[in-house]
């Protein structure tokens, strides 16, 4: 049989066909493979298919030949198994910093990691439209610029915005650029943050990546390396509730024993904690005292109380009194 024009691409077409159409419960037969190759301008006969399958196996692909009712060939191993792809899809769906449009694009690419039949199972669990997603389509460009600046040891500059009551972007600093030295990107409370050194303030700060606009690298070497090397990013995230900064203080918390898991989830397994009495534990943790920290406490009602230092106890009382006063003033 004379060779067809696309003969050199035969193995590639065969491998793609197996990837797209086979899994643990689906196989393809030799006649189906021959028909697929023919549809792509490649002539093949049964014996050559056997040889091609063996060539792929010799290269390292785990291709199984099955007998019986589902006789045929299937790919036995993939870079990602279906449960792993489902996990990645869930992460993309739940990520607030990924836009709805980009979420759909990424999920479409993830579907290519499994067979067509398994991709249908992914589609049934995909719900993107009603998620709380960012509208900043340039976030992927921003992430790329940040990574490049870190690799090249360069500073970056950008505009930083908030939303106003008309749901419009409003630039901070009256539209002036921020200029900082980027050191790492981190994920906290469903948001993506840049941790960077602000030379003017003389300290490390963090910025939400989805709120950065007009980002570009600056031809100046980064500074703040000593501060970064002394930084414990895991501890930093635990201390800054919702990544809101405040004065770092060691606080003692009197907690119901039922709150043990809550304390460990928030501050990590290394948190200092001991029994206080039959129904309470005493925990000590380093926190950035801020309204977000107080909001966390308030959400746990009387199950967790700050007992020291007195300055934080008084500040928390004022925080609660001001909330109550605001409701009294409304009457």
Protein backbone atom coordinates (compact mmCIF):
# COMPACT_ATOMS: atom_id res chain seq x y z
CA UNK A 1 0.00 0.00 0.00
CA UNK A 2 1.51 3.36 -1.01
CA UNK A 3 2.14 5.85 1.78
CA UNK A 4 -0.26 8.78 2.14
CA UNK A 5 0.75 12.43 2.45
CA UNK A 6 0.16 12.54 6.23
CA UNK A 7 1.88 9.21 6.94
CA UNK A 8 4.58 10.84 9.11
CA UNK A 9 1.85 12.17 11.41
CA UNK A 10 0.25 8.76 11.85
CA UNK A 11 1.47 8.09 15.41
CA UNK A 12 0.39 11.56 16.52
CA UNK A 13 -3.12 11.12 15.15
CA UNK A 14 -3.32 7.67 16.74
CA UNK A 15 -2.18 8.93 20.15
CA UNK A 16 -4.60 11.88 20.10
CA UNK A 17 -7.46 9.55 19.15
CA UNK A 18 -6.69 7.26 22.08
CA UNK A 19 -6.42 10.19 24.49
CA UNK A 20 -9.71 11.72 23.40
CA UNK A 21 -11.82 8.60 23.14
CA UNK A 22 -10.61 6.07 25.71
CA UNK A 23 -10.66 5.77 29.48
CA UNK A 24 -11.35 3.07 32.05
CA UNK A 25 -14.80 2.33 30.62
CA UNK A 26 -14.32 3.20 26.93
CA UNK A 27 -12.14 1.51 24.31
CA UNK A 28 -11.65 1.89 20.56
CA UNK A 29 -11.32 -0.95 18.10
CA UNK A 30 -8.80 -1.41 15.32
CA UNK A 31 -11.44 -0.72 12.62
CA UNK A 32 -12.39 2.52 14.41
CA UNK A 33 -8.74 3.57 14.49
CA UNK A 34 -8.35 2.80 10.78
CA UNK A 35 -11.49 4.84 9.96
CA UNK A 36 -10.22 7.77 12.05
CA UNK A 37 -6.86 7.77 10.31
CA UNK A 38 -8.55 7.53 6.91
CA UNK A 39 -10.71 10.56 7.77
CA UNK A 40 -7.45 12.45 8.29
CA UNK A 41 -5.91 11.34 5.02
CA UNK A 42 -3.80 8.50 6.43
CA UNK A 43 -3.99 4.99 4.99
CA UNK A 44 -3.52 2.14 7.45
CA UNK A 45 -4.10 -1.60 7.71
CA UNK A 46 -4.70 -3.82 10.74
CA UNK A 47 -1.13 -5.11 11.05
CA UNK A 48 0.36 -1.61 10.97
CA UNK A 49 -1.97 -0.53 13.79
CA UNK A 50 -0.63 -3.35 15.97
CA UNK A 51 2.91 -2.22 15.22
CA UNK A 52 2.07 1.43 15.93
CA UNK A 53 0.47 0.56 19.28
CA UNK A 54 3.59 -1.41 20.19
CA UNK A 55 5.80 1.53 19.21
CA UNK A 56 3.85 3.81 21.56
CA UNK A 57 4.12 1.23 24.33
CA UNK A 58 7.86 0.89 23.77
CA UNK A 59 8.18 4.68 24.12
CA UNK A 60 6.46 4.52 27.50
CA UNK A 61 2.71 4.93 26.96
CA UNK A 62 0.61 2.47 28.95
CA UNK A 63 -1.88 1.27 26.32
CA UNK A 64 -3.98 -1.77 27.22
CA UNK A 65 -5.60 -4.18 24.80
CA UNK A 66 -8.84 -5.60 26.22
CA UNK A 67 -10.86 -8.62 25.17
CA UNK A 68 -14.50 -9.57 25.47
CA UNK A 69 -17.54 -7.29 25.15
CA UNK A 70 -15.39 -4.15 25.24
CA UNK A 71 -12.52 -5.46 23.14
CA UNK A 72 -10.15 -2.78 21.88
CA UNK A 73 -7.47 -0.39 23.10
CA UNK A 74 -7.44 2.24 25.83
CA UNK A 75 -4.95 4.58 27.51
CA UNK A 76 -4.36 3.20 31.01
CA UNK A 77 -2.48 6.12 32.56
CA UNK A 78 -2.67 9.88 32.13
CA UNK A 79 -0.74 12.80 33.50
CA UNK A 80 -3.85 13.71 35.52
CA UNK A 81 -6.53 11.30 36.70
CA UNK A 82 -10.19 12.36 36.55
CA UNK A 83 -10.46 13.13 40.33
CA UNK A 84 -7.36 15.35 40.02
CA UNK A 85 -8.85 17.26 37.08
CA UNK A 86 -12.11 17.66 39.01
CA UNK A 87 -10.12 19.19 41.86
CA UNK A 88 -8.42 21.65 39.48
CA UNK A 89 -11.79 22.58 37.98
CA UNK A 90 -13.17 23.25 41.47
CA UNK A 91 -10.19 25.50 42.23
CA UNK A 92 -10.68 27.49 39.04
CA UNK A 93 -14.41 27.85 39.69
CA UNK A 94 -13.98 29.04 43.26
CA UNK A 95 -11.11 31.46 42.60
CA UNK A 96 -12.46 34.99 42.90
CA UNK A 97 -9.47 36.54 41.15
CA UNK A 98 -10.10 34.54 37.93
CA UNK A 99 -12.73 36.20 35.74
CA UNK A 100 -15.78 34.30 34.48
CA UNK A 101 -14.46 34.43 30.91
CA UNK A 102 -11.02 33.13 31.86
CA UNK A 103 -12.54 30.48 34.13
CA UNK A 104 -14.42 29.00 31.20
CA UNK A 105 -11.30 29.10 29.03
CA UNK A 106 -9.17 27.37 31.67
CA UNK A 107 -11.81 24.71 32.33
CA UNK A 108 -12.01 24.07 28.58
CA UNK A 109 -8.26 23.41 28.57
CA UNK A 110 -8.51 21.16 31.62
CA UNK A 111 -11.13 19.09 29.81
CA UNK A 112 -8.50 18.23 27.22
CA UNK A 113 -6.57 16.34 29.91
CA UNK A 114 -9.27 13.64 30.01
CA UNK A 115 -11.32 11.70 27.48
CA UNK A 116 -14.39 13.18 25.79
CA UNK A 117 -16.65 11.02 27.96
CA UNK A 118 -14.98 12.12 31.19
CA UNK A 119 -15.06 15.74 29.99
CA UNK A 120 -18.88 15.48 29.96
CA UNK A 121 -18.74 14.57 33.66
CA UNK A 122 -16.73 17.73 34.29
CA UNK A 123 -19.26 19.86 32.42
CA UNK A 124 -22.08 18.67 34.68
CA UNK A 125 -20.29 20.11 37.72
CA UNK A 126 -19.20 23.40 36.12
CA UNK A 127 -21.03 26.42 37.54
CA UNK A 128 -19.20 29.68 36.95
CA UNK A 129 -21.65 32.45 36.13
CA UNK A 130 -23.03 33.05 39.64
CA UNK A 131 -19.66 33.05 41.42
CA UNK A 132 -18.27 36.24 42.93
CA UNK A 133 -15.58 36.87 40.29
CA UNK A 134 -13.23 39.75 39.57
CA UNK A 135 -13.83 41.87 36.48
CA UNK A 136 -10.15 42.68 35.93
CA UNK A 137 -9.27 40.78 32.74
CA UNK A 138 -5.66 42.02 32.90
CA UNK A 139 -4.78 40.09 36.04
CA UNK A 140 -2.96 37.39 34.03
CA UNK A 141 -0.75 40.00 32.40
CA UNK A 142 -0.10 41.49 35.84
CA UNK A 143 0.93 38.12 37.30
CA UNK A 144 3.30 37.56 34.38
CA UNK A 145 4.90 40.99 34.83
CA UNK A 146 5.32 40.39 38.57
CA UNK A 147 6.97 36.99 38.06
CA UNK A 148 9.31 38.45 35.42
CA UNK A 149 10.25 41.38 37.68
CA UNK A 150 11.04 39.02 40.56
CA UNK A 151 13.17 36.83 38.28
CA UNK A 152 15.00 39.90 36.90
CA UNK A 153 15.35 41.59 40.33
CA UNK A 154 13.43 44.70 39.21
CA UNK A 155 10.92 46.98 40.88
CA UNK A 156 7.40 47.47 39.53
CA UNK A 157 4.94 50.33 39.40
CA UNK A 158 1.16 50.30 39.10
CA UNK A 159 -2.07 52.09 39.78
CA UNK A 160 -4.17 50.75 42.66
CA UNK A 161 -7.93 51.19 42.78
CA UNK A 162 -11.02 50.89 44.99
CA UNK A 163 -14.69 50.75 43.97
CA UNK A 164 -16.88 53.80 44.54
CA UNK A 165 -20.65 53.83 45.16
CA UNK A 166 -21.29 54.03 41.40
CA UNK A 167 -19.41 50.73 40.96
CA UNK A 168 -16.60 52.55 39.18
CA UNK A 169 -12.88 52.05 39.63
CA UNK A 170 -11.39 54.91 41.60
CA UNK A 171 -7.60 55.19 41.72
CA UNK A 172 -5.87 55.66 45.05
CA UNK A 173 -3.26 58.40 45.63
CA UNK A 174 -5.23 60.61 43.21
CA UNK A 175 -3.98 58.50 40.34
CA UNK A 176 -0.28 58.54 41.24
CA UNK A 177 1.72 55.39 40.65
CA UNK A 178 2.79 53.02 43.42
CA UNK A 179 6.38 51.79 43.10
CA UNK A 180 7.51 48.78 45.13
CA UNK A 181 9.93 45.86 45.13
CA UNK A 182 8.02 42.60 44.51
CA UNK A 183 9.10 39.52 46.46
CA UNK A 184 6.36 36.93 46.27
CA UNK A 185 2.75 36.16 45.37
CA UNK A 186 0.52 34.50 47.95
CA UNK A 187 -3.07 33.34 48.24
CA UNK A 188 -5.19 34.27 51.26
CA UNK A 189 -8.93 34.34 51.93
CA UNK A 190 -9.72 33.52 48.26
CA UNK A 191 -7.66 36.46 46.97
CA UNK A 192 -4.27 36.71 45.25
CA UNK A 193 -1.79 39.08 46.90
CA UNK A 194 1.60 40.56 46.05
CA UNK A 195 3.94 40.89 49.03
CA UNK A 196 6.38 43.71 48.29
CA UNK A 197 8.76 46.11 49.98
CA UNK A 198 7.71 49.76 50.07
CA UNK A 199 10.94 51.78 50.30
CA UNK A 200 9.13 55.01 51.23
CA UNK A 201 7.40 53.34 54.19
CA UNK A 202 10.45 51.21 54.97
CA UNK A 203 8.49 47.96 55.39
CA UNK A 204 6.83 45.02 53.65
CA UNK A 205 3.27 45.54 52.42
CA UNK A 206 0.73 43.51 50.48
CA UNK A 207 -1.54 44.39 47.53
CA UNK A 208 -4.45 42.57 45.92
CA UNK A 209 -3.37 41.67 42.41
CA UNK A 210 -6.88 42.06 40.95
CA UNK A 211 -6.87 45.72 42.09
CA UNK A 212 -3.64 46.58 40.26
CA UNK A 213 -3.78 48.38 36.90
CA UNK A 214 -1.24 49.62 34.33
CA UNK A 215 1.46 47.44 35.86
CA UNK A 216 4.99 47.53 34.44
CA UNK A 217 8.55 46.73 35.47
CA UNK A 218 10.93 49.56 36.39
CA UNK A 219 14.64 49.56 35.59
CA UNK A 220 15.64 49.74 39.26
CA UNK A 221 16.96 46.90 41.41
CA UNK A 222 14.69 45.61 44.16
CA UNK A 223 15.28 46.59 47.76
CA UNK A 224 14.12 45.14 51.07
CA UNK A 225 15.88 41.79 50.75
CA UNK A 226 16.81 41.68 54.45
CA UNK A 227 13.19 42.30 55.47
CA UNK A 228 12.00 39.61 53.08
CA UNK A 229 14.53 37.02 54.28
CA UNK A 230 13.46 37.62 57.87
CA UNK A 231 9.79 37.25 56.97
CA UNK A 232 7.74 34.15 57.79
CA UNK A 233 5.02 34.33 55.13
CA UNK A 234 2.85 31.64 56.75
CA UNK A 235 2.95 33.52 60.06
CA UNK A 236 2.34 36.79 58.20
CA UNK A 237 -0.89 35.42 56.69
CA UNK A 238 -2.10 34.09 60.03
CA UNK A 239 -1.48 37.37 61.84
CA UNK A 240 -3.09 39.60 59.21
CA UNK A 241 -6.77 38.72 59.19
CA UNK A 242 -8.04 38.99 55.63
CA UNK A 243 -4.58 40.46 54.88
CA UNK A 244 -5.54 43.67 56.72
CA UNK A 245 -2.51 45.07 58.49
CA UNK A 246 -2.41 46.35 62.06
CA UNK A 247 -0.08 46.67 65.02
CA UNK A 248 1.38 43.25 65.79
CA UNK A 249 0.58 42.20 69.35
CA UNK A 250 0.70 38.98 71.34
CA UNK A 251 -2.80 38.33 72.69
CA UNK A 252 -4.16 35.77 75.11
CA UNK A 253 -7.50 34.21 74.22
CA UNK A 254 -9.78 32.36 76.62
CA UNK A 255 -11.72 29.84 74.55
CA UNK A 256 -14.37 27.20 75.02
CA UNK A 257 -12.80 23.76 74.50
CA UNK A 258 -15.08 23.36 71.46
CA UNK A 259 -13.09 26.16 69.82
CA UNK A 260 -9.83 24.17 69.80
CA UNK A 261 -10.18 23.33 66.11
CA UNK A 262 -11.02 26.94 65.26
CA UNK A 263 -7.85 28.17 66.98
CA UNK A 264 -5.66 25.59 65.22
CA UNK A 265 -7.26 26.33 61.82
CA UNK A 266 -6.61 30.05 62.30
CA UNK A 267 -3.14 30.07 63.87
CA UNK A 268 -1.69 26.71 62.91
CA UNK A 269 -0.82 23.54 64.82
CA UNK A 270 2.13 25.30 66.48
CA UNK A 271 -0.04 27.79 68.36
CA UNK A 272 0.67 28.02 72.12
CA UNK A 273 -2.34 26.48 73.83
CA UNK A 274 -3.05 24.79 77.19
CA UNK A 275 -6.04 23.74 79.31
CA UNK A 276 -7.40 26.50 81.56
CA UNK A 277 -10.15 24.61 83.38
CA UNK A 278 -12.57 21.79 82.62
CA UNK A 279 -14.40 23.78 79.92
CA UNK A 280 -11.83 26.29 78.62
CA UNK A 281 -8.42 26.51 76.99
CA UNK A 282 -5.97 29.40 77.00
CA UNK A 283 -4.30 30.27 73.70
CA UNK A 284 -1.54 32.78 72.95
CA UNK A 285 -1.02 34.11 69.43
CA UNK A 286 0.63 36.95 67.53
CA UNK A 287 -1.97 38.97 65.61
CA UNK A 288 -2.22 42.23 63.69
CA UNK A 289 -4.83 44.07 65.73
CA UNK A 290 -7.36 45.46 63.27
CA UNK A 291 -11.15 45.74 62.77
CA UNK A 292 -10.93 42.48 60.81
CA UNK A 293 -9.45 40.71 63.84
CA UNK A 294 -12.21 42.10 66.04
CA UNK A 295 -14.79 41.07 63.44
CA UNK A 296 -13.44 37.51 63.62
CA UNK A 297 -13.81 37.57 67.40
CA UNK A 298 -17.34 38.97 67.21
CA UNK A 299 -18.34 36.22 64.79
CA UNK A 300 -17.42 33.65 67.45
CA UNK A 301 -19.69 35.32 70.01
CA UNK A 302 -18.85 34.50 73.66
CA UNK A 303 -16.92 31.33 72.78
CA UNK A 304 -13.60 33.22 72.49
CA UNK A 305 -12.59 36.25 74.60
CA UNK A 306 -9.47 38.40 74.62
CA UNK A 307 -8.14 38.56 78.18
CA UNK A 308 -4.82 40.35 77.58
CA UNK A 309 -3.23 42.73 76.97
CA UNK A 310 -5.58 45.28 78.53
CA UNK A 311 -5.03 47.68 75.62
CA UNK A 312 -6.50 45.19 73.14
CA UNK A 313 -9.36 44.30 75.53
CA UNK A 314 -10.26 47.99 75.79
CA UNK A 315 -9.95 48.50 72.02
CA UNK A 316 -12.25 45.54 71.38
CA UNK A 317 -14.82 46.89 73.86
CA UNK A 318 -14.78 50.26 72.09
CA UNK A 319 -15.18 48.47 68.75
CA UNK A 320 -18.32 46.68 69.99
CA UNK A 321 -19.73 49.79 71.72
CA UNK A 322 -19.38 51.84 68.54
CA UNK A 323 -21.33 49.22 66.61
CA UNK A 324 -24.10 49.23 69.22
CA UNK A 325 -24.11 53.04 69.28
CA UNK A 326 -24.53 53.18 65.50
CA UNK A 327 -27.72 51.13 65.81
CA UNK A 328 -28.99 53.23 68.73
CA UNK A 329 -28.45 56.42 66.70
CA UNK A 330 -30.64 55.01 63.96
CA UNK A 331 -33.69 54.78 66.25
